Amino acid sequence: MTHQPLITSFRTPIHLGKRPEKAPAVKGEHELKAKLRNAGLRPTVQRLSLSKLLYGNGDRHVSAEALHAEAREAGLQMSLSTVYNTLNQFAEAGLLREIAVQGPRTYFHTRTSPHHHFMDEISKKMFDVADGT
């Protein structure tokens, strides 16, 4: 039996020569609007709402389904396809790192600098691997 790598692909902007750093928490709406505009995205109501959830607590890994559930819990009315589209737009703009895991699961990470990940198959949680490990 051959083993397939658990993490099969990722999409991230290239930052050569920089060490991975944790994403700082972004809390203010003005700061979020600037972040979106600097990435070439219009700060729509949906993008701002999802940005608050994504960046309000700093560095994190999230699936579209988990973010959609968080949005619903926060009282936001948007479809799962809107969440998927927004996450993909953020990844294309360099605001998120997209990580495809073996199978149909895709995660998005707020830390966009190059680094490795470890996936706990039991808890289905993803962790960053420290440099030099």
N, C-alpha and C. Protein backbone atom coordinates (compact mmCIF):
# COMPACT_ATOMS: atom_id res chain seq x y z
N MET A 1 0.84 -1.17 0.00
CA MET A 1 0.00 0.00 0.00
C MET A 1 0.89 1.25 0.00
N THR A 2 0.68 2.11 -0.96
CA THR A 2 1.45 3.35 -1.01
C THR A 2 0.71 4.45 -0.28
N HIS A 3 1.46 5.32 0.33
CA HIS A 3 0.86 6.43 1.07
C HIS A 3 0.89 7.68 0.22
N GLN A 4 -0.24 8.34 0.13
CA GLN A 4 -0.36 9.61 -0.55
C GLN A 4 -0.09 10.72 0.45
N PRO A 5 0.51 11.82 0.03
CA PRO A 5 0.67 12.93 0.96
C PRO A 5 -0.70 13.47 1.34
N LEU A 6 -0.85 13.84 2.60
CA LEU A 6 -2.13 14.33 3.07
C LEU A 6 -2.47 15.68 2.46
N ILE A 7 -1.51 16.57 2.44
CA ILE A 7 -1.74 17.88 1.84
C ILE A 7 -1.23 17.81 0.42
N THR A 8 -2.14 17.97 -0.54
CA THR A 8 -1.80 17.73 -1.92
C THR A 8 -1.39 18.96 -2.70
N SER A 9 -1.89 20.12 -2.34
CA SER A 9 -1.51 21.33 -3.07
C SER A 9 -1.85 22.55 -2.24
N PHE A 10 -1.28 23.67 -2.65
CA PHE A 10 -1.63 24.93 -2.01
C PHE A 10 -1.41 26.06 -2.99
N ARG A 11 -2.08 27.15 -2.73
CA ARG A 11 -1.94 28.35 -3.54
C ARG A 11 -1.61 29.48 -2.59
N THR A 12 -0.49 30.14 -2.82
CA THR A 12 -0.07 31.22 -1.94
C THR A 12 0.80 32.19 -2.70
N PRO A 13 0.80 33.45 -2.32
CA PRO A 13 1.75 34.37 -2.93
C PRO A 13 3.17 34.02 -2.51
N ILE A 14 4.14 34.35 -3.32
CA ILE A 14 5.54 34.03 -3.03
C ILE A 14 6.17 35.20 -2.27
N HIS A 15 6.76 34.92 -1.13
CA HIS A 15 7.48 35.92 -0.34
C HIS A 15 8.87 35.36 -0.08
N LEU A 16 9.76 35.49 -1.06
CA LEU A 16 11.09 34.92 -0.92
C LEU A 16 11.90 35.67 0.12
N GLY A 17 12.63 34.91 0.92
CA GLY A 17 13.51 35.50 1.90
C GLY A 17 12.85 35.96 3.18
N LYS A 18 11.55 35.82 3.30
CA LYS A 18 10.87 36.22 4.52
C LYS A 18 10.55 34.99 5.35
N ARG A 19 10.68 35.13 6.65
CA ARG A 19 10.31 34.05 7.56
C ARG A 19 8.81 34.10 7.78
N PRO A 20 8.16 32.94 7.96
CA PRO A 20 6.73 32.95 8.24
C PRO A 20 6.43 33.72 9.53
N GLU A 21 5.40 34.51 9.47
CA GLU A 21 4.97 35.25 10.65
C GLU A 21 3.48 35.03 10.83
N LYS A 22 3.05 35.10 12.08
CA LYS A 22 1.62 34.98 12.34
C LYS A 22 0.92 36.23 11.84
N ALA A 23 -0.30 36.04 11.34
CA ALA A 23 -1.09 37.17 10.89
C ALA A 23 -1.60 37.95 12.09
N PRO A 24 -1.37 39.25 12.11
CA PRO A 24 -1.87 40.03 13.24
C PRO A 24 -3.39 40.15 13.17
N ALA A 25 -4.01 40.27 14.31
CA ALA A 25 -5.46 40.46 14.35
C ALA A 25 -5.80 41.82 13.75
N VAL A 26 -6.76 41.83 12.85
CA VAL A 26 -7.25 43.06 12.24
C VAL A 26 -8.66 43.25 12.74
N LYS A 27 -8.92 44.32 13.45
CA LYS A 27 -10.23 44.46 14.06
C LYS A 27 -11.06 45.61 13.50
N GLY A 28 -10.46 46.73 13.19
CA GLY A 28 -11.22 47.90 12.76
C GLY A 28 -11.74 47.78 11.35
N GLU A 29 -12.97 48.27 11.14
CA GLU A 29 -13.56 48.22 9.81
C GLU A 29 -12.74 49.04 8.81
N HIS A 30 -12.22 50.18 9.25
CA HIS A 30 -11.38 51.01 8.37
C HIS A 30 -10.15 50.22 7.91
N GLU A 31 -9.53 49.49 8.84
CA GLU A 31 -8.35 48.69 8.53
C GLU A 31 -8.71 47.55 7.56
N LEU A 32 -9.88 46.94 7.76
CA LEU A 32 -10.31 45.86 6.86
C LEU A 32 -10.60 46.40 5.46
N LYS A 33 -11.25 47.56 5.39
CA LYS A 33 -11.53 48.16 4.08
C LYS A 33 -10.23 48.45 3.34
N ALA A 34 -9.25 48.98 4.06
CA ALA A 34 -7.95 49.28 3.44
C ALA A 34 -7.27 48.00 2.97
N LYS A 35 -7.36 46.93 3.77
CA LYS A 35 -6.76 45.64 3.41
C LYS A 35 -7.37 45.12 2.11
N LEU A 36 -8.69 45.21 1.98
CA LEU A 36 -9.37 44.75 0.77
C LEU A 36 -9.00 45.62 -0.43
N ARG A 37 -9.04 46.93 -0.24
CA ARG A 37 -8.71 47.85 -1.35
C ARG A 37 -7.27 47.66 -1.81
N ASN A 38 -6.34 47.49 -0.86
CA ASN A 38 -4.93 47.28 -1.22
C ASN A 38 -4.73 45.99 -2.01
N ALA A 39 -5.63 45.03 -1.83
CA ALA A 39 -5.56 43.77 -2.57
C ALA A 39 -6.33 43.85 -3.89
N GLY A 40 -6.91 45.02 -4.18
CA GLY A 40 -7.64 45.19 -5.43
C GLY A 40 -9.08 44.72 -5.37
N LEU A 41 -9.62 44.56 -4.16
CA LEU A 41 -11.00 44.10 -4.00
C LEU A 41 -11.88 45.22 -3.45
N ARG A 42 -13.10 45.29 -3.95
CA ARG A 42 -14.06 46.26 -3.42
C ARG A 42 -14.55 45.77 -2.06
N PRO A 43 -14.60 46.64 -1.07
CA PRO A 43 -15.06 46.22 0.27
C PRO A 43 -16.59 46.16 0.35
N THR A 44 -17.17 45.10 -0.21
CA THR A 44 -18.62 44.91 -0.16
C THR A 44 -19.04 44.48 1.25
N VAL A 45 -20.33 44.52 1.50
CA VAL A 45 -20.85 44.12 2.81
C VAL A 45 -20.45 42.68 3.13
N GLN A 46 -20.59 41.76 2.15
CA GLN A 46 -20.24 40.36 2.38
C GLN A 46 -18.75 40.19 2.66
N ARG A 47 -17.91 40.85 1.87
CA ARG A 47 -16.46 40.73 2.06
C ARG A 47 -16.04 41.28 3.42
N LEU A 48 -16.61 42.43 3.80
CA LEU A 48 -16.27 43.00 5.11
C LEU A 48 -16.74 42.10 6.25
N SER A 49 -17.94 41.55 6.12
CA SER A 49 -18.47 40.67 7.16
C SER A 49 -17.60 39.43 7.34
N LEU A 50 -17.21 38.81 6.23
CA LEU A 50 -16.36 37.63 6.31
C LEU A 50 -14.95 37.99 6.75
N SER A 51 -14.46 39.17 6.36
CA SER A 51 -13.14 39.62 6.80
C SER A 51 -13.08 39.77 8.31
N LYS A 52 -14.15 40.30 8.90
CA LYS A 52 -14.19 40.45 10.36
C LYS A 52 -14.07 39.09 11.04
N LEU A 53 -14.76 38.09 10.49
CA LEU A 53 -14.67 36.74 11.06
C LEU A 53 -13.28 36.14 10.85
N LEU A 54 -12.73 36.33 9.66
CA LEU A 54 -11.43 35.74 9.33
C LEU A 54 -10.28 36.37 10.09
N TYR A 55 -10.23 37.68 10.10
CA TYR A 55 -9.05 38.39 10.61
C TYR A 55 -9.23 38.96 12.01
N GLY A 56 -10.40 38.86 12.58
CA GLY A 56 -10.65 39.42 13.89
C GLY A 56 -9.90 38.74 15.02
N ASN A 57 -9.46 37.51 14.80
CA ASN A 57 -8.77 36.76 15.85
C ASN A 57 -7.37 36.35 15.45
N GLY A 58 -6.79 36.99 14.43
CA GLY A 58 -5.43 36.69 14.04
C GLY A 58 -5.32 35.44 13.19
N ASP A 59 -4.23 34.73 13.35
CA ASP A 59 -3.87 33.57 12.53
C ASP A 59 -4.84 32.41 12.72
N ARG A 60 -5.36 31.87 11.60
CA ARG A 60 -6.26 30.71 11.70
C ARG A 60 -6.39 29.97 10.39
N HIS A 61 -6.77 28.69 10.49
CA HIS A 61 -7.11 27.85 9.35
C HIS A 61 -8.62 27.68 9.38
N VAL A 62 -9.27 27.76 8.24
CA VAL A 62 -10.73 27.63 8.23
C VAL A 62 -11.18 27.03 6.90
N SER A 63 -12.22 26.22 6.97
CA SER A 63 -12.85 25.71 5.75
C SER A 63 -14.02 26.63 5.41
N ALA A 64 -14.50 26.56 4.19
CA ALA A 64 -15.65 27.37 3.79
C ALA A 64 -16.87 27.00 4.62
N GLU A 65 -17.03 25.71 4.88
CA GLU A 65 -18.19 25.25 5.67
C GLU A 65 -18.14 25.80 7.09
N ALA A 66 -16.96 25.78 7.69
CA ALA A 66 -16.82 26.29 9.06
C ALA A 66 -17.06 27.79 9.11
N LEU A 67 -16.53 28.53 8.12
CA LEU A 67 -16.74 29.97 8.09
C LEU A 67 -18.21 30.30 7.84
N HIS A 68 -18.86 29.51 7.01
CA HIS A 68 -20.29 29.71 6.75
C HIS A 68 -21.09 29.50 8.03
N ALA A 69 -20.74 28.47 8.80
CA ALA A 69 -21.42 28.22 10.08
C ALA A 69 -21.19 29.39 11.04
N GLU A 70 -19.96 29.91 11.09
CA GLU A 70 -19.67 31.07 11.95
C GLU A 70 -20.49 32.28 11.52
N ALA A 71 -20.60 32.48 10.21
CA ALA A 71 -21.36 33.61 9.69
C ALA A 71 -22.83 33.49 10.09
N ARG A 72 -23.37 32.29 9.99
CA ARG A 72 -24.78 32.08 10.37
C ARG A 72 -24.98 32.33 11.86
N GLU A 73 -24.03 31.84 12.68
CA GLU A 73 -24.11 32.07 14.13
C GLU A 73 -24.04 33.55 14.46
N ALA A 74 -23.32 34.32 13.64
CA ALA A 74 -23.19 35.76 13.85
C ALA A 74 -24.39 36.53 13.29
N GLY A 75 -25.36 35.79 12.73
CA GLY A 75 -26.56 36.42 12.19
C GLY A 75 -26.42 36.93 10.77
N LEU A 76 -25.37 36.52 10.08
CA LEU A 76 -25.17 36.96 8.69
C LEU A 76 -25.92 36.02 7.75
N GLN A 77 -26.64 36.60 6.83
CA GLN A 77 -27.40 35.82 5.86
C GLN A 77 -26.66 35.79 4.53
N MET A 78 -25.97 34.70 4.27
CA MET A 78 -25.29 34.52 2.98
C MET A 78 -25.19 33.03 2.70
N SER A 79 -25.13 32.70 1.42
CA SER A 79 -25.08 31.29 1.03
C SER A 79 -23.67 30.74 1.16
N LEU A 80 -23.59 29.42 1.19
CA LEU A 80 -22.28 28.76 1.22
C LEU A 80 -21.49 29.09 -0.04
N SER A 81 -22.17 29.22 -1.18
CA SER A 81 -21.45 29.56 -2.42
C SER A 81 -20.85 30.96 -2.34
N THR A 82 -21.50 31.89 -1.66
CA THR A 82 -20.93 33.23 -1.46
C THR A 82 -19.66 33.14 -0.63
N VAL A 83 -19.68 32.30 0.40
CA VAL A 83 -18.49 32.12 1.24
C VAL A 83 -17.36 31.51 0.41
N TYR A 84 -17.66 30.46 -0.36
CA TYR A 84 -16.64 29.85 -1.23
C TYR A 84 -16.06 30.88 -2.20
N ASN A 85 -16.94 31.62 -2.87
CA ASN A 85 -16.47 32.61 -3.85
C ASN A 85 -15.59 33.67 -3.20
N THR A 86 -16.00 34.14 -2.03
CA THR A 86 -15.23 35.17 -1.33
C THR A 86 -13.87 34.63 -0.90
N LEU A 87 -13.83 33.42 -0.35
CA LEU A 87 -12.55 32.83 0.06
C LEU A 87 -11.63 32.66 -1.14
N ASN A 88 -12.17 32.21 -2.26
CA ASN A 88 -11.35 32.05 -3.46
C ASN A 88 -10.85 33.40 -3.98
N GLN A 89 -11.69 34.43 -3.92
CA GLN A 89 -11.25 35.77 -4.32
C GLN A 89 -10.14 36.28 -3.41
N PHE A 90 -10.28 36.04 -2.11
CA PHE A 90 -9.25 36.46 -1.16
C PHE A 90 -7.94 35.72 -1.43
N ALA A 91 -8.02 34.43 -1.74
CA ALA A 91 -6.81 33.65 -2.04
C ALA A 91 -6.15 34.17 -3.32
N GLU A 92 -6.95 34.44 -4.35
CA GLU A 92 -6.41 34.96 -5.61
C GLU A 92 -5.74 36.32 -5.40
N ALA A 93 -6.27 37.11 -4.48
CA ALA A 93 -5.73 38.45 -4.21
C ALA A 93 -4.54 38.42 -3.25
N GLY A 94 -4.21 37.23 -2.72
CA GLY A 94 -3.08 37.10 -1.81
C GLY A 94 -3.40 37.37 -0.35
N LEU A 95 -4.68 37.46 -0.01
CA LEU A 95 -5.08 37.71 1.37
C LEU A 95 -5.16 36.43 2.20
N LEU A 96 -5.31 35.30 1.53
CA LEU A 96 -5.38 34.00 2.19
C LEU A 96 -4.51 33.01 1.44
N ARG A 97 -4.12 31.96 2.11
CA ARG A 97 -3.42 30.85 1.49
C ARG A 97 -4.42 29.69 1.42
N GLU A 98 -4.59 29.13 0.23
CA GLU A 98 -5.50 28.00 0.04
C GLU A 98 -4.71 26.72 0.16
N ILE A 99 -5.21 25.79 0.98
CA ILE A 99 -4.53 24.52 1.21
C ILE A 99 -5.50 23.39 0.89
N ALA A 100 -5.20 22.62 -0.16
CA ALA A 100 -6.04 21.49 -0.54
C ALA A 100 -5.52 20.25 0.17
N VAL A 101 -6.40 19.59 0.88
CA VAL A 101 -6.06 18.38 1.62
C VAL A 101 -6.57 17.19 0.81
N GLN A 102 -5.91 16.06 0.94
CA GLN A 102 -6.32 14.86 0.21
C GLN A 102 -7.82 14.65 0.39
N GLY A 103 -8.50 14.44 -0.70
CA GLY A 103 -9.95 14.34 -0.66
C GLY A 103 -10.55 15.68 -1.03
N PRO A 104 -11.80 15.87 -0.72
CA PRO A 104 -12.50 17.08 -1.17
C PRO A 104 -12.29 18.31 -0.28
N ARG A 105 -11.57 18.19 0.80
CA ARG A 105 -11.46 19.27 1.79
C ARG A 105 -10.43 20.33 1.38
N THR A 106 -10.81 21.59 1.50
CA THR A 106 -9.91 22.71 1.28
C THR A 106 -9.97 23.63 2.48
N TYR A 107 -8.81 24.08 2.92
CA TYR A 107 -8.72 25.03 4.03
C TYR A 107 -8.13 26.32 3.52
N PHE A 108 -8.42 27.39 4.22
CA PHE A 108 -7.85 28.69 3.91
C PHE A 108 -7.15 29.19 5.16
N HIS A 109 -5.96 29.76 4.97
CA HIS A 109 -5.14 30.18 6.10
C HIS A 109 -4.87 31.67 5.99
N THR A 110 -5.01 32.37 7.11
CA THR A 110 -4.77 33.81 7.11
C THR A 110 -3.28 34.15 7.07
N ARG A 111 -2.44 33.19 7.36
CA ARG A 111 -0.98 33.39 7.29
C ARG A 111 -0.53 32.99 5.89
N THR A 112 -0.12 33.96 5.09
CA THR A 112 0.17 33.70 3.68
C THR A 112 1.64 33.42 3.39
N SER A 113 2.52 33.59 4.36
CA SER A 113 3.94 33.33 4.11
C SER A 113 4.18 31.83 3.99
N PRO A 114 5.21 31.41 3.24
CA PRO A 114 5.48 29.99 3.04
C PRO A 114 5.79 29.26 4.34
N HIS A 115 5.13 28.15 4.55
CA HIS A 115 5.37 27.30 5.71
C HIS A 115 4.65 25.97 5.49
N HIS A 116 4.94 24.98 6.32
CA HIS A 116 4.34 23.66 6.19
C HIS A 116 3.20 23.49 7.19
N HIS A 117 2.37 22.48 6.92
CA HIS A 117 1.23 22.20 7.78
C HIS A 117 1.20 20.73 8.19
N PHE A 118 0.56 20.49 9.32
CA PHE A 118 0.29 19.14 9.81
C PHE A 118 -1.21 19.03 9.99
N MET A 119 -1.79 17.95 9.47
CA MET A 119 -3.23 17.73 9.59
C MET A 119 -3.48 16.57 10.54
N ASP A 120 -4.18 16.82 11.62
CA ASP A 120 -4.58 15.77 12.55
C ASP A 120 -5.82 15.11 11.97
N GLU A 121 -5.67 13.87 11.52
CA GLU A 121 -6.77 13.18 10.84
C GLU A 121 -7.93 12.85 11.78
N ILE A 122 -7.67 12.76 13.06
CA ILE A 122 -8.74 12.45 14.01
C ILE A 122 -9.59 13.68 14.29
N SER A 123 -8.94 14.78 14.67
CA SER A 123 -9.69 15.99 15.01
C SER A 123 -10.04 16.83 13.78
N LYS A 124 -9.41 16.51 12.64
CA LYS A 124 -9.59 17.27 11.39
C LYS A 124 -9.13 18.72 11.54
N LYS A 125 -8.18 18.95 12.44
CA LYS A 125 -7.62 20.29 12.63
C LYS A 125 -6.26 20.37 11.96
N MET A 126 -5.95 21.55 11.45
CA MET A 126 -4.68 21.79 10.79
C MET A 126 -3.81 22.67 11.67
N PHE A 127 -2.51 22.35 11.68
CA PHE A 127 -1.56 23.08 12.49
C PHE A 127 -0.37 23.49 11.64
N ASP A 128 0.25 24.61 11.98
CA ASP A 128 1.49 25.03 11.33
C ASP A 128 2.64 24.22 11.89
N VAL A 129 3.59 23.86 11.03
CA VAL A 129 4.80 23.19 11.47
C VAL A 129 5.85 24.27 11.67
N ALA A 130 6.47 24.27 12.83
CA ALA A 130 7.48 25.28 13.15
C ALA A 130 8.68 25.14 12.23
N ASP A 131 9.32 26.27 11.92
CA ASP A 131 10.53 26.25 11.09
C ASP A 131 11.59 25.38 11.74
N GLY A 132 12.34 24.64 10.93
CA GLY A 132 13.43 23.81 11.42
C GLY A 132 12.97 22.48 12.01
N THR A 133 11.68 22.16 11.86
CA THR A 133 11.17 20.90 12.41
C THR A 133 11.25 19.81 11.39
